[in-house]
All heavy atoms as atom14 arrays in JSON, in Angstrom:
{
  "sequence": "DLFAYNMFLRPSTEELEDLHADWTVIQAPGFLAD",
  "atom14_mask": [
    [1, 1, 1, 1, 1, 1, 1, 1, 0, 0, 0, 0, 0, 0],
    [1, 1, 1, 1, 1, 1, 1, 1, 0, 0, 0, 0, 0, 0],
    [1, 1, 1, 1, 1, 1, 1, 1, 1, 1, 1, 0, 0, 0],
    [1, 1, 1, 1, 1, 0, 0, 0, 0, 0, 0, 0, 0, 0],
    [1, 1, 1, 1, 1, 1, 1, 1, 1, 1, 1, 1, 0, 0],
    [1, 1, 1, 1, 1, 1, 1, 1, 0, 0, 0, 0, 0, 0],
    [1, 1, 1, 1, 1, 1, 1, 1, 0, 0, 0, 0, 0, 0],
    [1, 1, 1, 1, 1, 1, 1, 1, 1, 1, 1, 0, 0, 0],
    [1, 1, 1, 1, 1, 1, 1, 1, 0, 0, 0, 0, 0, 0],
    [1, 1, 1, 1, 1, 1, 1, 1, 1, 1, 1, 0, 0, 0],
    [1, 1, 1, 1, 1, 1, 1, 0, 0, 0, 0, 0, 0, 0],
    [1, 1, 1, 1, 1, 1, 0, 0, 0, 0, 0, 0, 0, 0],
    [1, 1, 1, 1, 1, 1, 1, 0, 0, 0, 0, 0, 0, 0],
    [1, 1, 1, 1, 1, 1, 1, 1, 1, 0, 0, 0, 0, 0],
    [1, 1, 1, 1, 1, 1, 1, 1, 1, 0, 0, 0, 0, 0],
    [1, 1, 1, 1, 1, 1, 1, 1, 0, 0, 0, 0, 0, 0],
    [1, 1, 1, 1, 1, 1, 1, 1, 1, 0, 0, 0, 0, 0],
    [1, 1, 1, 1, 1, 1, 1, 1, 0, 0, 0, 0, 0, 0],
    [1, 1, 1, 1, 1, 1, 1, 1, 0, 0, 0, 0, 0, 0],
    [1, 1, 1, 1, 1, 1, 1, 1, 1, 1, 0, 0, 0, 0],
    [1, 1, 1, 1, 1, 0, 0, 0, 0, 0, 0, 0, 0, 0],
    [1, 1, 1, 1, 1, 1, 1, 1, 0, 0, 0, 0, 0, 0],
    [1, 1, 1, 1, 1, 1, 1, 1, 1, 1, 1, 1, 1, 1],
    [1, 1, 1, 1, 1, 1, 1, 0, 0, 0, 0, 0, 0, 0],
    [1, 1, 1, 1, 1, 1, 1, 0, 0, 0, 0, 0, 0, 0],
    [1, 1, 1, 1, 1, 1, 1, 1, 0, 0, 0, 0, 0, 0],
    [1, 1, 1, 1, 1, 1, 1, 1, 1, 0, 0, 0, 0, 0],
    [1, 1, 1, 1, 1, 0, 0, 0, 0, 0, 0, 0, 0, 0],
    [1, 1, 1, 1, 1, 1, 1, 0, 0, 0, 0, 0, 0, 0],
    [1, 1, 1, 1, 0, 0, 0, 0, 0, 0, 0, 0, 0, 0],
    [1, 1, 1, 1, 1, 1, 1, 1, 1, 1, 1, 0, 0, 0],
    [1, 1, 1, 1, 1, 1, 1, 1, 0, 0, 0, 0, 0, 0],
    [1, 1, 1, 1, 1, 0, 0, 0, 0, 0, 0, 0, 0, 0],
    [1, 1, 1, 1, 1, 1, 1, 1, 0, 0, 0, 0, 0, 0]
  ],
  "atom14_positions": [
    [[-6.3, 5.44, 0.36], [-6.02, 4.2, 1.09], [-7.18, 3.23, 0.93], [-6.98, 2.01, 0.81], [-5.79, 4.52, 2.56], [-5.27, 3.34, 3.35], [-4.42, 2.62, 2.83], [-5.72, 3.14, 4.49], [0.0, 0.0, 0.0], [0.0, 0.0, 0.0], [0.0, 0.0, 0.0], [0.0, 0.0, 0.0], [0.0, 0.0, 0.0], [0.0, 0.0, 0.0]],
    [[-8.42, 3.74, 0.9], [-9.58, 2.9, 0.65], [-9.48, 2.27, -0.73], [-9.82, 1.09, -0.92], [-10.86, 3.71, 0.78], [-12.16, 2.96, 0.49], [-12.37, 1.81, 1.47], [-13.36, 3.92, 0.55], [0.0, 0.0, 0.0], [0.0, 0.0, 0.0], [0.0, 0.0, 0.0], [0.0, 0.0, 0.0], [0.0, 0.0, 0.0], [0.0, 0.0, 0.0]],
    [[-9.02, 3.02, -1.72], [-8.83, 2.48, -3.06], [-7.86, 1.3, -3.03], [-8.11, 0.26, -3.64], [-8.32, 3.57, -4.0], [-7.98, 3.09, -5.39], [-8.98, 2.98, -6.34], [-6.68, 2.74, -5.73], [-8.68, 2.52, -7.63], [-6.38, 2.28, -7.01], [-7.38, 2.18, -7.96], [0.0, 0.0, 0.0], [0.0, 0.0, 0.0], [0.0, 0.0, 0.0]],
    [[-6.74, 1.48, -2.32], [-5.76, 0.39, -2.24], [-6.35, -0.82, -1.54], [-6.1, -1.97, -1.95], [-4.51, 0.88, -1.5], [0.0, 0.0, 0.0], [0.0, 0.0, 0.0], [0.0, 0.0, 0.0], [0.0, 0.0, 0.0], [0.0, 0.0, 0.0], [0.0, 0.0, 0.0], [0.0, 0.0, 0.0], [0.0, 0.0, 0.0], [0.0, 0.0, 0.0]],
    [[-7.16, -0.59, -0.51], [-7.82, -1.71, 0.16], [-8.75, -2.45, -0.8], [-8.77, -3.69, -0.85], [-8.64, -1.18, 1.35], [-9.49, -2.25, 2.02], [-8.97, -3.06, 3.03], [-10.82, -2.46, 1.62], [-9.74, -4.06, 3.61], [-11.6, -3.46, 2.18], [-11.05, -4.24, 3.18], [-11.82, -5.24, 3.75], [0.0, 0.0, 0.0], [0.0, 0.0, 0.0]],
    [[-9.51, -1.7, -1.57], [-10.46, -2.31, -2.5], [-9.77, -3.08, -3.62], [-10.2, -4.16, -4.02], [-11.35, -1.24, -3.13], [-12.41, -0.72, -2.18], [-12.67, -1.33, -1.14], [-13.01, 0.4, -2.52], [0.0, 0.0, 0.0], [0.0, 0.0, 0.0], [0.0, 0.0, 0.0], [0.0, 0.0, 0.0], [0.0, 0.0, 0.0], [0.0, 0.0, 0.0]],
    [[-8.69, -2.52, -4.15], [-8.14, -3.01, -5.41], [-7.11, -4.13, -5.28], [-6.96, -4.93, -6.2], [-7.52, -1.86, -6.19], [-8.55, -0.88, -6.74], [-9.89, -1.66, -7.67], [-8.97, -2.53, -8.92], [0.0, 0.0, 0.0], [0.0, 0.0, 0.0], [0.0, 0.0, 0.0], [0.0, 0.0, 0.0], [0.0, 0.0, 0.0], [0.0, 0.0, 0.0]],
    [[-6.38, -4.16, -4.19], [-5.35, -5.18, -4.06], [-5.81, -6.27, -3.12], [-6.81, -6.14, -2.41], [-4.04, -4.55, -3.59], [-3.5, -3.53, -4.57], [-3.41, -2.19, -4.23], [-3.11, -3.91, -5.83], [-2.95, -1.24, -5.12], [-2.63, -2.99, -6.75], [-2.54, -1.65, -6.38], [0.0, 0.0, 0.0], [0.0, 0.0, 0.0], [0.0, 0.0, 0.0]],
    [[-5.08, -7.38, -3.12], [-5.44, -8.5, -2.25], [-5.11, -8.13, -0.8], [-4.08, -7.51, -0.52], [-4.65, -9.74, -2.67], [-5.06, -10.28, -4.05], [-3.96, -11.16, -4.62], [-6.36, -11.07, -3.95], [0.0, 0.0, 0.0], [0.0, 0.0, 0.0], [0.0, 0.0, 0.0], [0.0, 0.0, 0.0], [0.0, 0.0, 0.0], [0.0, 0.0, 0.0]],
    [[-5.99, -8.5, 0.1], [-5.93, -8.06, 1.48], [-5.35, -9.16, 2.38], [-5.96, -10.23, 2.54], [-7.35, -7.68, 1.94], [-7.88, -6.47, 1.15], [-9.39, -6.35, 1.2], [-10.06, -7.32, 0.32], [-10.21, -7.18, -0.99], [-9.74, -6.12, -1.61], [-10.83, -8.1, -1.7], [0.0, 0.0, 0.0], [0.0, 0.0, 0.0], [0.0, 0.0, 0.0]],
    [[-4.16, -8.94, 2.96], [-3.54, -9.97, 3.8], [-4.3, -10.15, 5.11], [-4.89, -9.21, 5.64], [-2.14, -9.43, 4.05], [-2.27, -7.95, 3.91], [-3.33, -7.73, 2.86], [0.0, 0.0, 0.0], [0.0, 0.0, 0.0], [0.0, 0.0, 0.0], [0.0, 0.0, 0.0], [0.0, 0.0, 0.0], [0.0, 0.0, 0.0], [0.0, 0.0, 0.0]],
    [[-4.27, -11.36, 5.64], [-4.86, -11.63, 6.96], [-3.94, -11.07, 8.04], [-2.78, -10.71, 7.78], [-5.04, -13.13, 7.15], [-3.77, -13.76, 7.19], [0.0, 0.0, 0.0], [0.0, 0.0, 0.0], [0.0, 0.0, 0.0], [0.0, 0.0, 0.0], [0.0, 0.0, 0.0], [0.0, 0.0, 0.0], [0.0, 0.0, 0.0], [0.0, 0.0, 0.0]],
    [[-4.44, -11.02, 9.24], [-3.64, -10.55, 10.38], [-2.41, -11.45, 10.54], [-1.31, -10.96, 10.81], [-4.47, -10.56, 11.67], [-5.6, -9.71, 11.48], [-3.66, -10.05, 12.84], [0.0, 0.0, 0.0], [0.0, 0.0, 0.0], [0.0, 0.0, 0.0], [0.0, 0.0, 0.0], [0.0, 0.0, 0.0], [0.0, 0.0, 0.0], [0.0, 0.0, 0.0]],
    [[-2.59, -12.74, 10.34], [-1.47, -13.66, 10.46], [-0.42, -13.4, 9.37], [0.79, -13.44, 9.64], [-1.96, -15.11, 10.36], [-2.82, -15.58, 11.52], [-4.22, -15.0, 11.5], [-4.67, -14.56, 10.39], [-4.88, -14.94, 12.56], [0.0, 0.0, 0.0], [0.0, 0.0, 0.0], [0.0, 0.0, 0.0], [0.0, 0.0, 0.0], [0.0, 0.0, 0.0]],
    [[-0.86, -13.13, 8.15], [0.06, -12.85, 7.07], [0.85, -11.58, 7.32], [2.02, -11.47, 6.93], [-0.68, -12.75, 5.74], [-1.19, -14.06, 5.17], [-1.97, -13.88, 3.9], [-2.95, -13.12, 3.9], [-1.61, -14.51, 2.88], [0.0, 0.0, 0.0], [0.0, 0.0, 0.0], [0.0, 0.0, 0.0], [0.0, 0.0, 0.0], [0.0, 0.0, 0.0]],
    [[0.23, -10.61, 7.97], [0.92, -9.34, 8.24], [2.14, -9.51, 9.13], [3.07, -8.71, 9.07], [-0.05, -8.34, 8.87], [-1.0, -7.6, 7.94], [-1.99, -6.77, 8.73], [-0.24, -6.73, 6.95], [0.0, 0.0, 0.0], [0.0, 0.0, 0.0], [0.0, 0.0, 0.0], [0.0, 0.0, 0.0], [0.0, 0.0, 0.0], [0.0, 0.0, 0.0]],
    [[2.12, -10.54, 9.98], [3.23, -10.76, 10.9], [4.56, -10.85, 10.17], [5.58, -10.35, 10.63], [2.99, -12.05, 11.71], [1.83, -11.98, 12.68], [2.14, -11.21, 13.96], [3.28, -10.72, 14.08], [1.24, -11.11, 14.8], [0.0, 0.0, 0.0], [0.0, 0.0, 0.0], [0.0, 0.0, 0.0], [0.0, 0.0, 0.0], [0.0, 0.0, 0.0]],
    [[4.55, -11.52, 9.02], [5.8, -11.74, 8.28], [5.78, -11.09, 6.9], [6.58, -11.45, 6.04], [6.05, -13.25, 8.12], [6.22, -13.94, 9.46], [6.98, -13.43, 10.29], [5.56, -14.98, 9.67], [0.0, 0.0, 0.0], [0.0, 0.0, 0.0], [0.0, 0.0, 0.0], [0.0, 0.0, 0.0], [0.0, 0.0, 0.0], [0.0, 0.0, 0.0]],
    [[4.89, -10.14, 6.7], [4.79, -9.51, 5.38], [5.76, -8.33, 5.29], [5.67, -7.38, 6.07], [3.35, -9.05, 5.12], [3.03, -8.63, 3.69], [1.57, -8.93, 3.37], [3.29, -7.14, 3.49], [0.0, 0.0, 0.0], [0.0, 0.0, 0.0], [0.0, 0.0, 0.0], [0.0, 0.0, 0.0], [0.0, 0.0, 0.0], [0.0, 0.0, 0.0]],
    [[6.66, -8.41, 4.37], [7.62, -7.32, 4.14], [7.52, -6.9, 2.67], [7.51, -7.73, 1.76], [9.04, -7.77, 4.5], [9.19, -8.19, 5.92], [9.29, -7.29, 6.95], [9.21, -9.42, 6.48], [9.39, -7.92, 8.09], [9.34, -9.23, 7.85], [0.0, 0.0, 0.0], [0.0, 0.0, 0.0], [0.0, 0.0, 0.0], [0.0, 0.0, 0.0]],
    [[7.44, -5.62, 2.48], [7.16, -5.09, 1.14], [8.25, -5.42, 0.14], [9.43, -5.2, 0.41], [6.95, -3.58, 1.24], [0.0, 0.0, 0.0], [0.0, 0.0, 0.0], [0.0, 0.0, 0.0], [0.0, 0.0, 0.0], [0.0, 0.0, 0.0], [0.0, 0.0, 0.0], [0.0, 0.0, 0.0], [0.0, 0.0, 0.0], [0.0, 0.0, 0.0]],
    [[7.82, -5.93, -1.01], [8.73, -6.07, -2.16], [8.81, -4.75, -2.91], [9.87, -4.4, -3.45], [8.23, -7.17, -3.09], [8.13, -8.53, -2.42], [9.12, -8.95, -1.79], [7.06, -9.16, -2.52], [0.0, 0.0, 0.0], [0.0, 0.0, 0.0], [0.0, 0.0, 0.0], [0.0, 0.0, 0.0], [0.0, 0.0, 0.0], [0.0, 0.0, 0.0]],
    [[7.66, -4.05, -2.99], [7.56, -2.79, -3.7], [6.87, -1.76, -2.83], [5.97, -2.12, -2.04], [6.79, -2.96, -5.01], [7.62, -3.5, -6.13], [7.95, -4.8, -6.35], [8.23, -2.73, -7.17], [8.73, -4.9, -7.48], [8.91, -3.64, -8.01], [8.26, -1.38, -7.48], [9.64, -3.24, -9.12], [8.96, -0.96, -8.61], [9.63, -1.89, -9.41]],
    [[7.25, -0.5, -3.0], [6.62, 0.59, -2.28], [6.04, 1.59, -3.28], [6.73, 1.98, -4.24], [7.62, 1.32, -1.37], [8.13, 0.4, -0.4], [6.96, 2.5, -0.65], [0.0, 0.0, 0.0], [0.0, 0.0, 0.0], [0.0, 0.0, 0.0], [0.0, 0.0, 0.0], [0.0, 0.0, 0.0], [0.0, 0.0, 0.0], [0.0, 0.0, 0.0]],
    [[4.79, 1.98, -3.07], [4.15, 3.01, -3.88], [3.89, 4.21, -2.98], [3.25, 4.07, -1.93], [2.8, 2.52, -4.47], [2.16, 3.64, -5.28], [3.0, 1.27, -5.32], [0.0, 0.0, 0.0], [0.0, 0.0, 0.0], [0.0, 0.0, 0.0], [0.0, 0.0, 0.0], [0.0, 0.0, 0.0], [0.0, 0.0, 0.0], [0.0, 0.0, 0.0]],
    [[4.39, 5.35, -3.36], [4.19, 6.58, -2.59], [3.38, 7.54, -3.46], [3.85, 7.95, -4.53], [5.51, 7.24, -2.17], [6.33, 6.26, -1.33], [5.25, 8.52, -1.39], [7.72, 6.78, -0.95], [0.0, 0.0, 0.0], [0.0, 0.0, 0.0], [0.0, 0.0, 0.0], [0.0, 0.0, 0.0], [0.0, 0.0, 0.0], [0.0, 0.0, 0.0]],
    [[2.18, 7.87, -3.01], [1.3, 8.77, -3.76], [1.08, 10.05, -2.96], [0.59, 10.01, -1.82], [-0.04, 8.11, -4.06], [-0.95, 8.96, -4.93], [-2.38, 9.05, -4.43], [-2.62, 9.02, -3.23], [-3.33, 9.16, -5.34], [0.0, 0.0, 0.0], [0.0, 0.0, 0.0], [0.0, 0.0, 0.0], [0.0, 0.0, 0.0], [0.0, 0.0, 0.0]],
    [[1.48, 11.18, -3.53], [1.34, 12.47, -2.86], [0.76, 13.49, -3.85], [1.51, 14.2, -4.52], [2.69, 12.96, -2.33], [0.0, 0.0, 0.0], [0.0, 0.0, 0.0], [0.0, 0.0, 0.0], [0.0, 0.0, 0.0], [0.0, 0.0, 0.0], [0.0, 0.0, 0.0], [0.0, 0.0, 0.0], [0.0, 0.0, 0.0], [0.0, 0.0, 0.0]],
    [[-0.58, 13.54, -3.95], [-1.19, 14.48, -4.9], [-0.8, 15.93, -4.67], [-0.75, 16.72, -5.63], [-2.69, 14.26, -4.66], [-2.8, 12.88, -4.11], [-1.57, 12.71, -3.27], [0.0, 0.0, 0.0], [0.0, 0.0, 0.0], [0.0, 0.0, 0.0], [0.0, 0.0, 0.0], [0.0, 0.0, 0.0], [0.0, 0.0, 0.0], [0.0, 0.0, 0.0]],
    [[-0.53, 16.28, -3.42], [-0.2, 17.67, -3.12], [1.23, 18.05, -3.42], [1.58, 19.24, -3.38], [0.0, 0.0, 0.0], [0.0, 0.0, 0.0], [0.0, 0.0, 0.0], [0.0, 0.0, 0.0], [0.0, 0.0, 0.0], [0.0, 0.0, 0.0], [0.0, 0.0, 0.0], [0.0, 0.0, 0.0], [0.0, 0.0, 0.0], [0.0, 0.0, 0.0]],
    [[2.07, 17.09, -3.73], [3.46, 17.38, -4.06], [3.59, 17.63, -5.55], [3.2, 16.8, -6.38], [4.37, 16.22, -3.66], [5.79, 16.42, -4.14], [6.65, 17.28, -3.49], [6.24, 15.75, -5.28], [7.95, 17.47, -3.94], [7.53, 15.94, -5.74], [8.39, 16.8, -5.07], [0.0, 0.0, 0.0], [0.0, 0.0, 0.0], [0.0, 0.0, 0.0]],
    [[4.13, 18.77, -5.91], [4.27, 19.16, -7.32], [5.75, 19.21, -7.7], [6.57, 19.8, -6.97], [3.63, 20.53, -7.56], [2.15, 20.67, -7.19], [1.67, 22.08, -7.46], [1.31, 19.65, -7.92], [0.0, 0.0, 0.0], [0.0, 0.0, 0.0], [0.0, 0.0, 0.0], [0.0, 0.0, 0.0], [0.0, 0.0, 0.0], [0.0, 0.0, 0.0]],
    [[6.08, 18.59, -8.8], [7.45, 18.59, -9.27], [7.79, 19.92, -9.92], [6.91, 20.67, -10.35], [7.66, 17.47, -10.28], [0.0, 0.0, 0.0], [0.0, 0.0, 0.0], [0.0, 0.0, 0.0], [0.0, 0.0, 0.0], [0.0, 0.0, 0.0], [0.0, 0.0, 0.0], [0.0, 0.0, 0.0], [0.0, 0.0, 0.0], [0.0, 0.0, 0.0]],
    [[9.07, 20.21, -9.97], [9.59, 21.37, -10.72], [10.24, 20.81, -11.97], [11.34, 20.27, -11.93], [10.62, 22.1, -9.85], [11.17, 23.35, -10.55], [10.98, 23.48, -11.79], [11.78, 24.19, -9.87], [0.0, 0.0, 0.0], [0.0, 0.0, 0.0], [0.0, 0.0, 0.0], [0.0, 0.0, 0.0], [0.0, 0.0, 0.0], [0.0, 0.0, 0.0]]
  ]
}
């Protein structure tokens, strides 16, 4: 999560009020595919 904070643009508190995700990234290192 710190990496995401560092690397992407950080919305202000005001922007968060109306910010709705266009894309979702789900990262789960502990989940292994079969």
